[in-house]
Amino acid sequence: MKKILEQLYYGNLYPSENIHPSIDGYAEANQLATQAYEELESKLCPEMKVLLEDFISENMHLCSLDETQAFIEGFKLASKLFAEIYLQG
């Protein structure tokens, strides 16, 4: 197995592809969100359906940016923790 730094350098790490939410309540919340979307979508005229899809697309992009920033901040924190442990060890 290649070292993790080599994998990172060559672009072989895709942590976002390995996300499988296992938090309690996730499946139920996802189901409720899907039901709410389907109910709302069924009541809209074609023009409003397009607007809804545009909103969802932009919201997903915003969520992706939030997740990216959260990953970066988490990685920085983990690096600081390991540095502190190493320097004190």
Protein backbone atom coordinates (compact mmCIF):
# COMPACT_ATOMS: atom_id res chain seq x y z
CA MET A 1 0.00 0.00 0.00
CA LYS A 2 1.30 3.43 -0.89
CA LYS A 3 2.00 5.89 1.86
CA ILE A 4 -0.80 8.33 2.54
CA LEU A 5 1.28 11.33 1.45
CA GLU A 6 1.97 9.67 -1.89
CA GLN A 7 -1.72 8.93 -2.33
CA LEU A 8 -2.53 12.54 -1.51
CA TYR A 9 0.12 13.88 -3.89
CA TYR A 10 -1.06 11.75 -6.79
CA GLY A 11 -4.70 12.64 -6.18
CA ASN A 12 -5.78 9.13 -5.20
CA LEU A 13 -7.62 10.09 -2.02
CA TYR A 14 -11.32 10.89 -2.25
CA PRO A 15 -12.62 11.01 1.33
CA SER A 16 -15.90 12.60 0.29
CA GLU A 17 -16.76 9.48 -1.70
CA ASN A 18 -16.56 7.37 1.44
CA ILE A 19 -19.17 9.26 3.41
CA HIS A 20 -22.02 7.02 4.51
CA PRO A 21 -23.92 8.86 7.26
CA SER A 22 -24.58 6.60 10.22
CA ILE A 23 -25.75 9.25 12.67
CA ASP A 24 -28.89 8.29 14.58
CA GLY A 25 -31.91 9.76 12.88
CA TYR A 26 -30.24 10.39 9.51
CA ALA A 27 -32.30 7.89 7.55
CA GLU A 28 -35.54 9.17 9.07
CA ALA A 29 -34.61 12.83 8.41
CA ASN A 30 -33.70 11.96 4.83
CA GLN A 31 -37.01 10.19 4.33
CA LEU A 32 -38.96 13.14 5.77
CA ALA A 33 -37.07 15.60 3.56
CA THR A 34 -37.79 13.47 0.49
CA GLN A 35 -41.49 13.28 1.36
CA ALA A 36 -41.68 17.04 1.90
CA TYR A 37 -39.93 17.69 -1.42
CA GLU A 38 -42.25 15.33 -3.29
CA GLU A 39 -45.34 16.90 -1.72
CA LEU A 40 -44.18 20.43 -2.53
CA GLU A 41 -43.06 19.52 -6.04
CA SER A 42 -46.41 17.91 -6.83
CA LYS A 43 -48.22 21.17 -6.03
CA LEU A 44 -46.11 23.45 -8.23
CA CYS A 45 -46.66 24.63 -11.77
CA PRO A 46 -43.88 23.84 -14.28
CA GLU A 47 -42.24 27.28 -13.89
CA MET A 48 -42.13 26.97 -10.12
CA LYS A 49 -40.71 23.44 -10.41
CA VAL A 50 -37.79 24.89 -12.38
CA LEU A 51 -37.31 27.55 -9.72
CA LEU A 52 -37.39 24.89 -6.99
CA GLU A 53 -34.76 22.81 -8.82
CA ASP A 54 -32.57 25.89 -9.24
CA PHE A 55 -32.90 26.65 -5.54
CA ILE A 56 -32.01 23.08 -4.58
CA SER A 57 -29.00 23.11 -6.90
CA GLU A 58 -27.66 26.37 -5.45
CA ASN A 59 -28.35 25.18 -1.91
CA MET A 60 -26.44 21.95 -2.58
CA HIS A 61 -23.51 24.00 -3.87
CA LEU A 62 -23.60 26.12 -0.71
CA CYS A 63 -23.69 22.99 1.46
CA SER A 64 -20.71 21.62 -0.44
CA LEU A 65 -18.76 24.80 0.28
CA ASP A 66 -19.71 24.55 3.97
CA GLU A 67 -18.58 20.92 4.10
CA THR A 68 -15.30 21.79 2.41
CA GLN A 69 -14.59 24.50 4.98
CA ALA A 70 -15.57 22.19 7.85
CA PHE A 71 -13.18 19.53 6.51
CA ILE A 72 -10.35 22.05 6.27
CA GLU A 73 -10.95 23.33 9.80
CA GLY A 74 -11.17 19.77 11.15
CA PHE A 75 -7.95 18.81 9.41
CA LYS A 76 -6.19 21.87 10.85
CA LEU A 77 -7.43 21.02 14.34
CA ALA A 78 -6.31 17.40 14.03
CA SER A 79 -2.89 18.56 12.82
CA LYS A 80 -2.55 20.90 15.81
CA LEU A 81 -3.53 18.08 18.18
CA PHE A 82 -0.98 15.71 16.72
CA ALA A 83 1.71 18.42 16.78
CA GLU A 84 0.97 19.14 20.43
CA ILE A 85 1.07 15.45 21.31
CA TYR A 86 4.32 14.96 19.41
CA LEU A 87 6.01 18.01 20.93
CA GLN A 88 4.99 17.04 24.46
CA GLY A 89 5.70 13.34 23.99
